[in-house]
Amino acid sequence: MGDTMSKQEIPYPNIRELREDAGLSQADIANVLNCSQVAYSYYEIGRRDIPTEVLIKLAKYYNCSVDYLLGLTRRKKPYQEKY
């Protein structure tokens, strides 16, 4: 059994794509999140769970929903507040 996971098996399947589409390195996003590049790389490969506050920070940074980050929806657009 190898260490390679398919996109469906990775807990956060869209964070790498979002980062690459933005032309950013793992170190760039690690700086945004105030964590190490290694810690961020573990998020991308599913080796470490992303804390809720970090998921929210990523969703705000990329202007997408947490559901999109988690691979629960293909709709990238964040939800609209109706207060």
C-alpha atoms as a PDB file:
ATOM      1  CA  MET A   1       0.000   0.000   0.000  1.00  0.00           C
ATOM      2  CA  GLY A   2       1.517   3.337  -1.091  1.00  0.00           C
ATOM      3  CA  ASP A   3       1.314   6.791   0.403  1.00  0.00           C
ATOM      4  CA  THR A   4      -0.439   8.186  -2.676  1.00  0.00           C
ATOM      5  CA  MET A   5      -4.076   9.217  -2.160  1.00  0.00           C
ATOM      6  CA  SER A   6      -6.611  10.013  -4.832  1.00  0.00           C
ATOM      7  CA  LYS A   7      -8.270  13.442  -4.793  1.00  0.00           C
ATOM      8  CA  GLN A   8     -11.417  11.875  -3.278  1.00  0.00           C
ATOM      9  CA  GLU A   9      -9.434  10.355  -0.380  1.00  0.00           C
ATOM     10  CA  ILE A  10      -7.733  13.618   0.616  1.00  0.00           C
ATOM     11  CA  PRO A  11      -9.780  15.367   3.331  1.00  0.00           C
ATOM     12  CA  TYR A  12      -9.221  18.812   1.792  1.00  0.00           C
ATOM     13  CA  PRO A  13      -9.176  18.117  -1.962  1.00  0.00           C
ATOM     14  CA  ASN A  14      -9.361  21.711  -3.180  1.00  0.00           C
ATOM     15  CA  ILE A  15      -6.764  23.600  -1.139  1.00  0.00           C
ATOM     16  CA  ARG A  16      -3.828  22.700  -3.363  1.00  0.00           C
ATOM     17  CA  GLU A  17      -5.722  23.624  -6.524  1.00  0.00           C
ATOM     18  CA  LEU A  18      -6.776  26.970  -5.047  1.00  0.00           C
ATOM     19  CA  ARG A  19      -3.200  27.744  -4.025  1.00  0.00           C
ATOM     20  CA  GLU A  20      -1.748  26.775  -7.402  1.00  0.00           C
ATOM     21  CA  ASP A  21      -4.444  28.694  -9.310  1.00  0.00           C
ATOM     22  CA  ALA A  22      -3.467  31.775  -7.288  1.00  0.00           C
ATOM     23  CA  GLY A  23       0.192  31.247  -8.222  1.00  0.00           C
ATOM     24  CA  LEU A  24       1.213  30.864  -4.597  1.00  0.00           C
ATOM     25  CA  SER A  25       3.713  28.566  -2.909  1.00  0.00           C
ATOM     26  CA  GLN A  26       3.051  26.503   0.182  1.00  0.00           C
ATOM     27  CA  ALA A  27       5.305  28.924   2.057  1.00  0.00           C
ATOM     28  CA  ASP A  28       3.121  31.846   0.930  1.00  0.00           C
ATOM     29  CA  ILE A  29      -0.020  30.265   2.366  1.00  0.00           C
ATOM     30  CA  ALA A  30       1.833  29.108   5.482  1.00  0.00           C
ATOM     31  CA  ASN A  31       2.706  32.780   6.101  1.00  0.00           C
ATOM     32  CA  VAL A  32      -0.962  33.757   5.720  1.00  0.00           C
ATOM     33  CA  LEU A  33      -1.940  31.048   8.211  1.00  0.00           C
ATOM     34  CA  ASN A  34       0.985  31.757  10.551  1.00  0.00           C
ATOM     35  CA  CYS A  35       2.218  28.164  10.427  1.00  0.00           C
ATOM     36  CA  SER A  36       5.242  26.380   8.991  1.00  0.00           C
ATOM     37  CA  GLN A  37       5.452  25.294   5.356  1.00  0.00           C
ATOM     38  CA  VAL A  38       5.668  21.685   6.548  1.00  0.00           C
ATOM     39  CA  ALA A  39       2.483  22.030   8.611  1.00  0.00           C
ATOM     40  CA  TYR A  40       0.682  23.489   5.605  1.00  0.00           C
ATOM     41  CA  SER A  41       1.990  20.740   3.315  1.00  0.00           C
ATOM     42  CA  TYR A  42       0.538  18.192   5.750  1.00  0.00           C
ATOM     43  CA  TYR A  43      -2.863  19.883   5.355  1.00  0.00           C
ATOM     44  CA  GLU A  44      -2.636  19.539   1.570  1.00  0.00           C
ATOM     45  CA  ILE A  45      -1.802  15.831   1.631  1.00  0.00           C
ATOM     46  CA  GLY A  46      -4.266  15.007   4.402  1.00  0.00           C
ATOM     47  CA  ARG A  47      -1.624  14.041   6.913  1.00  0.00           C
ATOM     48  CA  ARG A  48      -2.886  16.622   9.412  1.00  0.00           C
ATOM     49  CA  ASP A  49      -6.429  17.824  10.089  1.00  0.00           C
ATOM     50  CA  ILE A  50      -7.021  21.523   9.551  1.00  0.00           C
ATOM     51  CA  PRO A  51      -8.369  23.277  12.659  1.00  0.00           C
ATOM     52  CA  THR A  52     -11.727  24.996  12.194  1.00  0.00           C
ATOM     53  CA  GLU A  53     -10.288  28.489  12.600  1.00  0.00           C
ATOM     54  CA  VAL A  54      -7.738  27.751   9.851  1.00  0.00           C
ATOM     55  CA  LEU A  55     -10.476  26.426   7.523  1.00  0.00           C
ATOM     56  CA  ILE A  56     -12.393  29.658   8.060  1.00  0.00           C
ATOM     57  CA  LYS A  57      -9.273  31.741   7.394  1.00  0.00           C
ATOM     58  CA  LEU A  58      -8.618  29.810   4.143  1.00  0.00           C
ATOM     59  CA  ALA A  59     -12.256  30.199   3.049  1.00  0.00           C
ATOM     60  CA  LYS A  60     -12.089  33.962   3.625  1.00  0.00           C
ATOM     61  CA  TYR A  61      -8.697  34.234   1.925  1.00  0.00           C
ATOM     62  CA  TYR A  62      -9.871  32.370  -1.199  1.00  0.00           C
ATOM     63  CA  ASN A  63     -13.426  33.785  -1.029  1.00  0.00           C
ATOM     64  CA  CYS A  64     -14.987  30.328  -1.069  1.00  0.00           C
ATOM     65  CA  SER A  65     -17.063  28.172   1.261  1.00  0.00           C
ATOM     66  CA  VAL A  66     -15.622  25.789   3.825  1.00  0.00           C
ATOM     67  CA  ASP A  67     -17.755  23.121   2.125  1.00  0.00           C
ATOM     68  CA  TYR A  68     -15.725  23.718  -1.053  1.00  0.00           C
ATOM     69  CA  LEU A  69     -12.455  23.334   0.864  1.00  0.00           C
ATOM     70  CA  LEU A  70     -13.753  20.055   2.298  1.00  0.00           C
ATOM     71  CA  GLY A  71     -14.838  18.773  -1.102  1.00  0.00           C
ATOM     72  CA  LEU A  72     -18.508  18.641  -0.074  1.00  0.00           C
ATOM     73  CA  THR A  73     -19.604  20.849  -2.965  1.00  0.00           C
ATOM     74  CA  ARG A  74     -18.247  21.791  -6.361  1.00  0.00           C
ATOM     75  CA  ARG A  75     -19.660  25.294  -5.938  1.00  0.00           C
ATOM     76  CA  LYS A  76     -16.754  27.539  -5.042  1.00  0.00           C
ATOM     77  CA  LYS A  77     -18.780  30.694  -4.334  1.00  0.00           C
ATOM     78  CA  PRO A  78     -19.273  31.397  -0.609  1.00  0.00           C
ATOM     79  CA  TYR A  79     -22.736  31.410   0.885  1.00  0.00           C
ATOM     80  CA  GLN A  80     -24.568  34.719   1.075  1.00  0.00           C
ATOM     81  CA  GLU A  81     -25.405  36.079   4.497  1.00  0.00           C
ATOM     82  CA  LYS A  82     -29.112  36.787   4.997  1.00  0.00           C
ATOM     83  CA  TYR A  83     -29.272  38.641   8.274  1.00  0.00           C
END
